[in-house]
C-alpha atoms as a PDB file:
ATOM      1  CA  UNK A   1       0.002  -0.068   0.029  1.00  0.00           C
ATOM      2  CA  UNK A   2       1.254   3.575  -0.852  1.00  0.00           C
ATOM      3  CA  UNK A   3       1.816   6.403   1.436  1.00  0.00           C
ATOM      4  CA  UNK A   4      -1.525   8.639   0.904  1.00  0.00           C
ATOM      5  CA  UNK A   5       0.505  11.732   1.460  1.00  0.00           C
ATOM      6  CA  UNK A   6       3.310  11.485  -0.881  1.00  0.00           C
ATOM      7  CA  UNK A   7       1.998   8.272  -2.868  1.00  0.00           C
ATOM      8  CA  UNK A   8       5.785   7.333  -3.239  1.00  0.00           C
ATOM      9  CA  UNK A   9       6.976   5.213  -0.712  1.00  0.00           C
ATOM     10  CA  UNK A  10       5.383   2.555   1.303  1.00  0.00           C
ATOM     11  CA  UNK A  11       3.162   2.963   3.943  1.00  0.00           C
ATOM     12  CA  UNK A  12       4.606   1.145   7.069  1.00  0.00           C
ATOM     13  CA  UNK A  13       2.450   3.604   9.514  1.00  0.00           C
ATOM     14  CA  UNK A  14      -0.877   2.770   9.954  1.00  0.00           C
ATOM     15  CA  UNK A  15      -2.916   5.100  12.294  1.00  0.00           C
ATOM     16  CA  UNK A  16      -6.690   4.335  13.423  1.00  0.00           C
ATOM     17  CA  UNK A  17      -8.919   6.619  15.205  1.00  0.00           C
ATOM     18  CA  UNK A  18     -12.414   6.332  16.385  1.00  0.00           C
ATOM     19  CA  UNK A  19     -14.280   8.974  17.301  1.00  0.00           C
ATOM     20  CA  UNK A  20     -18.161   8.840  18.069  1.00  0.00           C
ATOM     21  CA  UNK A  21     -18.272   5.825  16.270  1.00  0.00           C
ATOM     22  CA  UNK A  22     -16.685   6.839  12.881  1.00  0.00           C
ATOM     23  CA  UNK A  23     -13.616   5.020  12.022  1.00  0.00           C
ATOM     24  CA  UNK A  24     -10.906   6.958  10.143  1.00  0.00           C
ATOM     25  CA  UNK A  25      -7.386   5.290   8.861  1.00  0.00           C
ATOM     26  CA  UNK A  26      -4.354   6.883   7.682  1.00  0.00           C
ATOM     27  CA  UNK A  27      -1.532   4.996   6.012  1.00  0.00           C
ATOM     28  CA  UNK A  28       1.697   6.910   5.800  1.00  0.00           C
ATOM     29  CA  UNK A  29       5.229   6.158   5.191  1.00  0.00           C
ATOM     30  CA  UNK A  30       7.713   7.010   8.148  1.00  0.00           C
ATOM     31  CA  UNK A  31       8.742  10.154   6.786  1.00  0.00           C
ATOM     32  CA  UNK A  32       5.067  11.427   6.189  1.00  0.00           C
ATOM     33  CA  UNK A  33       3.680  10.329   9.439  1.00  0.00           C
ATOM     34  CA  UNK A  34       6.723  12.135  11.139  1.00  0.00           C
ATOM     35  CA  UNK A  35       5.785  15.328   9.500  1.00  0.00           C
ATOM     36  CA  UNK A  36       2.527  15.025   9.850  1.00  0.00           C
ATOM     37  CA  UNK A  37       3.016  14.544  13.773  1.00  0.00           C
ATOM     38  CA  UNK A  38       1.824  10.935  13.861  1.00  0.00           C
ATOM     39  CA  UNK A  39       5.332   9.999  15.682  1.00  0.00           C
ATOM     40  CA  UNK A  40       6.037  11.703  18.129  1.00  0.00           C
ATOM     41  CA  UNK A  41       9.162   9.527  19.090  1.00  0.00           C
ATOM     42  CA  UNK A  42      12.188  10.233  21.572  1.00  0.00           C
ATOM     43  CA  UNK A  43      15.373   8.435  21.683  1.00  0.00           C
ATOM     44  CA  UNK A  44      13.631   5.958  24.277  1.00  0.00           C
ATOM     45  CA  UNK A  45      10.506   5.349  22.013  1.00  0.00           C
ATOM     46  CA  UNK A  46       7.246   6.647  22.633  1.00  0.00           C
ATOM     47  CA  UNK A  47       6.700   7.353  26.242  1.00  0.00           C
ATOM     48  CA  UNK A  48       3.502   6.792  27.748  1.00  0.00           C
ATOM     49  CA  UNK A  49       2.798  10.423  28.709  1.00  0.00           C
ATOM     50  CA  UNK A  50       3.078  11.339  25.101  1.00  0.00           C
ATOM     51  CA  UNK A  51       0.624   8.650  24.136  1.00  0.00           C
ATOM     52  CA  UNK A  52      -2.127  10.441  26.804  1.00  0.00           C
ATOM     53  CA  UNK A  53      -1.479  13.875  25.758  1.00  0.00           C
ATOM     54  CA  UNK A  54      -1.569  13.380  21.875  1.00  0.00           C
ATOM     55  CA  UNK A  55      -5.365  12.687  22.731  1.00  0.00           C
ATOM     56  CA  UNK A  56      -5.986  15.914  24.091  1.00  0.00           C
ATOM     57  CA  UNK A  57      -6.466  18.236  21.053  1.00  0.00           C
ATOM     58  CA  UNK A  58      -9.114  15.621  19.517  1.00  0.00           C
ATOM     59  CA  UNK A  59     -11.422  15.703  22.875  1.00  0.00           C
ATOM     60  CA  UNK A  60     -11.856  19.455  23.528  1.00  0.00           C
ATOM     61  CA  UNK A  61     -15.017  20.863  22.338  1.00  0.00           C
ATOM     62  CA  UNK A  62     -14.810  24.119  20.187  1.00  0.00           C
ATOM     63  CA  UNK A  63     -15.581  26.399  23.425  1.00  0.00           C
ATOM     64  CA  UNK A  64     -13.209  24.934  25.350  1.00  0.00           C
ATOM     65  CA  UNK A  65     -10.447  25.415  22.848  1.00  0.00           C
ATOM     66  CA  UNK A  66     -11.614  29.112  22.550  1.00  0.00           C
ATOM     67  CA  UNK A  67     -11.087  29.635  26.164  1.00  0.00           C
ATOM     68  CA  UNK A  68      -7.875  28.206  26.120  1.00  0.00           C
ATOM     69  CA  UNK A  69      -6.714  30.211  23.021  1.00  0.00           C
ATOM     70  CA  UNK A  70      -8.576  33.485  24.072  1.00  0.00           C
ATOM     71  CA  UNK A  71      -5.436  33.405  27.273  1.00  0.00           C
ATOM     72  CA  UNK A  72      -7.928  32.787  29.816  1.00  0.00           C
ATOM     73  CA  UNK A  73      -5.798  30.934  32.040  1.00  0.00           C
ATOM     74  CA  UNK A  74      -7.360  27.926  33.951  1.00  0.00           C
ATOM     75  CA  UNK A  75      -5.587  27.178  37.180  1.00  0.00           C
ATOM     76  CA  UNK A  76      -5.890  24.875  39.841  1.00  0.00           C
ATOM     77  CA  UNK A  77      -6.713  26.342  43.104  1.00  0.00           C
ATOM     78  CA  UNK A  78      -5.082  23.605  44.971  1.00  0.00           C
ATOM     79  CA  UNK A  79      -1.863  23.826  43.485  1.00  0.00           C
ATOM     80  CA  UNK A  80      -1.497  26.300  41.150  1.00  0.00           C
ATOM     81  CA  UNK A  81      -1.078  23.987  37.957  1.00  0.00           C
ATOM     82  CA  UNK A  82      -2.606  25.640  34.525  1.00  0.00           C
ATOM     83  CA  UNK A  83      -4.152  23.555  32.359  1.00  0.00           C
ATOM     84  CA  UNK A  84      -1.473  24.285  29.628  1.00  0.00           C
ATOM     85  CA  UNK A  85       1.158  23.146  32.008  1.00  0.00           C
ATOM     86  CA  UNK A  86      -0.904  19.982  32.635  1.00  0.00           C
ATOM     87  CA  UNK A  87      -1.207  19.149  29.042  1.00  0.00           C
ATOM     88  CA  UNK A  88       2.780  19.840  28.400  1.00  0.00           C
ATOM     89  CA  UNK A  89       3.514  17.319  31.639  1.00  0.00           C
ATOM     90  CA  UNK A  90       0.852  15.209  31.530  1.00  0.00           C
ATOM     91  CA  UNK A  91       0.350  14.574  34.905  1.00  0.00           C
ATOM     92  CA  UNK A  92      -2.336  16.430  37.850  1.00  0.00           C
ATOM     93  CA  UNK A  93      -0.238  18.298  40.572  1.00  0.00           C
ATOM     94  CA  UNK A  94      -2.949  17.564  42.954  1.00  0.00           C
ATOM     95  CA  UNK A  95      -6.291  15.660  43.781  1.00  0.00           C
ATOM     96  CA  UNK A  96      -8.038  18.856  43.525  1.00  0.00           C
ATOM     97  CA  UNK A  97      -6.740  18.813  39.454  1.00  0.00           C
ATOM     98  CA  UNK A  98      -9.414  16.653  38.774  1.00  0.00           C
ATOM     99  CA  UNK A  99     -12.243  18.878  39.553  1.00  0.00           C
ATOM    100  CA  UNK A 100     -10.467  22.161  37.981  1.00  0.00           C
ATOM    101  CA  UNK A 101      -9.968  20.365  34.638  1.00  0.00           C
ATOM    102  CA  UNK A 102     -12.847  18.128  34.835  1.00  0.00           C
ATOM    103  CA  UNK A 103     -14.610  19.732  31.536  1.00  0.00           C
ATOM    104  CA  UNK A 104     -11.533  19.387  29.722  1.00  0.00           C
ATOM    105  CA  UNK A 105     -10.820  15.509  30.454  1.00  0.00           C
ATOM    106  CA  UNK A 106     -14.298  14.196  30.659  1.00  0.00           C
ATOM    107  CA  UNK A 107     -14.393  13.566  26.922  1.00  0.00           C
ATOM    108  CA  UNK A 108     -11.217  11.774  27.046  1.00  0.00           C
ATOM    109  CA  UNK A 109     -12.244   9.492  30.229  1.00  0.00           C
ATOM    110  CA  UNK A 110     -15.409   9.027  27.753  1.00  0.00           C
ATOM    111  CA  UNK A 111     -13.288   8.078  24.762  1.00  0.00           C
ATOM    112  CA  UNK A 112     -10.949   5.858  26.847  1.00  0.00           C
ATOM    113  CA  UNK A 113     -13.598   3.882  28.497  1.00  0.00           C
ATOM    114  CA  UNK A 114     -15.892   3.288  25.900  1.00  0.00           C
ATOM    115  CA  UNK A 115     -18.476   6.318  27.034  1.00  0.00           C
ATOM    116  CA  UNK A 116     -18.021   5.930  31.013  1.00  0.00           C
ATOM    117  CA  UNK A 117     -16.706   8.307  33.026  1.00  0.00           C
ATOM    118  CA  UNK A 118     -17.085   6.146  36.379  1.00  0.00           C
ATOM    119  CA  UNK A 119     -14.548   3.225  36.337  1.00  0.00           C
ATOM    120  CA  UNK A 120     -16.309   0.098  37.832  1.00  0.00           C
ATOM    121  CA  UNK A 121     -13.839  -2.707  37.013  1.00  0.00           C
ATOM    122  CA  UNK A 122     -14.071  -5.990  36.268  1.00  0.00           C
ATOM    123  CA  UNK A 123     -15.101  -9.261  37.738  1.00  0.00           C
ATOM    124  CA  UNK A 124     -13.952 -12.345  36.932  1.00  0.00           C
ATOM    125  CA  UNK A 125     -16.809 -14.756  35.304  1.00  0.00           C
ATOM    126  CA  UNK A 126     -15.603 -17.961  37.449  1.00  0.00           C
ATOM    127  CA  UNK A 127     -15.741 -16.134  41.083  1.00  0.00           C
ATOM    128  CA  UNK A 128     -18.220 -13.405  40.416  1.00  0.00           C
ATOM    129  CA  UNK A 129     -21.411 -15.110  41.171  1.00  0.00           C
ATOM    130  CA  UNK A 130     -23.677 -12.909  42.863  1.00  0.00           C
ATOM    131  CA  UNK A 131     -21.614  -9.718  41.594  1.00  0.00           C
ATOM    132  CA  UNK A 132     -22.366  -9.762  37.793  1.00  0.00           C
ATOM    133  CA  UNK A 133     -26.102 -10.296  38.639  1.00  0.00           C
ATOM    134  CA  UNK A 134     -26.069  -7.246  41.147  1.00  0.00           C
ATOM    135  CA  UNK A 135     -23.879  -5.194  38.429  1.00  0.00           C
ATOM    136  CA  UNK A 136     -26.917  -6.465  35.796  1.00  0.00           C
ATOM    137  CA  UNK A 137     -29.386  -5.215  38.370  1.00  0.00           C
ATOM    138  CA  UNK A 138     -27.801  -2.080  38.941  1.00  0.00           C
ATOM    139  CA  UNK A 139     -27.803  -1.626  34.555  1.00  0.00           C
ATOM    140  CA  UNK A 140     -31.452  -2.525  34.482  1.00  0.00           C
ATOM    141  CA  UNK A 141     -32.401  -0.062  37.000  1.00  0.00           C
ATOM    142  CA  UNK A 142     -30.594   2.659  35.045  1.00  0.00           C
ATOM    143  CA  UNK A 143     -32.428   1.380  31.808  1.00  0.00           C
ATOM    144  CA  UNK A 144     -36.109   1.069  33.602  1.00  0.00           C
ATOM    145  CA  UNK A 145     -35.590   4.920  34.505  1.00  0.00           C
ATOM    146  CA  UNK A 146     -34.437   5.964  31.178  1.00  0.00           C
ATOM    147  CA  UNK A 147     -37.654   4.582  29.626  1.00  0.00           C
ATOM    148  CA  UNK A 148     -39.856   5.981  32.177  1.00  0.00           C
ATOM    149  CA  UNK A 149     -38.380   9.083  31.317  1.00  0.00           C
ATOM    150  CA  UNK A 150     -39.237   8.744  27.483  1.00  0.00           C
ATOM    151  CA  UNK A 151     -42.133   7.326  28.459  1.00  0.00           C
ATOM    152  CA  UNK A 152     -41.972   4.066  26.840  1.00  0.00           C
ATOM    153  CA  UNK A 153     -44.358   2.193  29.347  1.00  0.00           C
ATOM    154  CA  UNK A 154     -44.327  -1.013  27.659  1.00  0.00           C
ATOM    155  CA  UNK A 155     -40.756  -1.922  27.521  1.00  0.00           C
ATOM    156  CA  UNK A 156     -40.294  -0.461  30.917  1.00  0.00           C
ATOM    157  CA  UNK A 157     -42.985  -3.105  32.387  1.00  0.00           C
ATOM    158  CA  UNK A 158     -40.313  -5.717  30.907  1.00  0.00           C
ATOM    159  CA  UNK A 159     -37.751  -4.289  32.271  1.00  0.00           C
ATOM    160  CA  UNK A 160     -39.568  -4.222  35.674  1.00  0.00           C
ATOM    161  CA  UNK A 161     -40.258  -7.949  35.346  1.00  0.00           C
ATOM    162  CA  UNK A 162     -36.946  -8.713  34.888  1.00  0.00           C
ATOM    163  CA  UNK A 163     -35.752  -6.454  37.558  1.00  0.00           C
ATOM    164  CA  UNK A 164     -38.019  -8.571  39.837  1.00  0.00           C
ATOM    165  CA  UNK A 165     -36.900 -11.979  38.758  1.00  0.00           C
ATOM    166  CA  UNK A 166     -33.483 -10.873  39.265  1.00  0.00           C
ATOM    167  CA  UNK A 167     -34.153  -9.668  42.725  1.00  0.00           C
ATOM    168  CA  UNK A 168     -35.418 -12.847  43.323  1.00  0.00           C
ATOM    169  CA  UNK A 169     -32.537 -14.741  42.428  1.00  0.00           C
ATOM    170  CA  UNK A 170     -30.231 -12.652  44.163  1.00  0.00           C
ATOM    171  CA  UNK A 171     -32.205 -13.135  47.256  1.00  0.00           C
ATOM    172  CA  UNK A 172     -32.599 -16.959  46.811  1.00  0.00           C
ATOM    173  CA  UNK A 173     -28.717 -16.986  46.543  1.00  0.00           C
ATOM    174  CA  UNK A 174     -27.926 -14.753  49.523  1.00  0.00           C
ATOM    175  CA  UNK A 175     -30.059 -16.851  51.863  1.00  0.00           C
ATOM    176  CA  UNK A 176     -28.899 -20.248  50.589  1.00  0.00           C
ATOM    177  CA  UNK A 177     -25.182 -18.930  51.084  1.00  0.00           C
ATOM    178  CA  UNK A 178     -26.070 -17.817  54.611  1.00  0.00           C
ATOM    179  CA  UNK A 179     -27.449 -21.248  55.703  1.00  0.00           C
END
């Protein structure tokens, strides 16, 4: 496959970006990829910091970009770190930075965590037992709330019945495990 930019060299760098479900693939030779900023390597190779900070420009909304570009300095009250310093370092200065820069980092978390901003972890299937059912119950409750809000009452009734069945199963397992 030829480089998409120069159309001369063989493409050796293949970059895939998925934003809002839209997949965009770029295929370039090393020279063009370096010129376009796809390969920001140091002598030590690509660092995790470089990888994460390369994600920031794609995730900011237009209004947030304008705020930063109009010289309005967003600064953490806890440690004094500015958003620009955070972007260049790739590290927060204190725990309060999460709240200060929340509007800037939430879109990144959503993209990295498949649309989620809250970490719930993983449960091994062989030992999950009731935890899997409890997580499913929580998801069904959330789904029920959304359906009621949309006034989709027939679907909501089906989900309500699923919740009742799952609760019954959980109660039976917990009583059986306690005995």
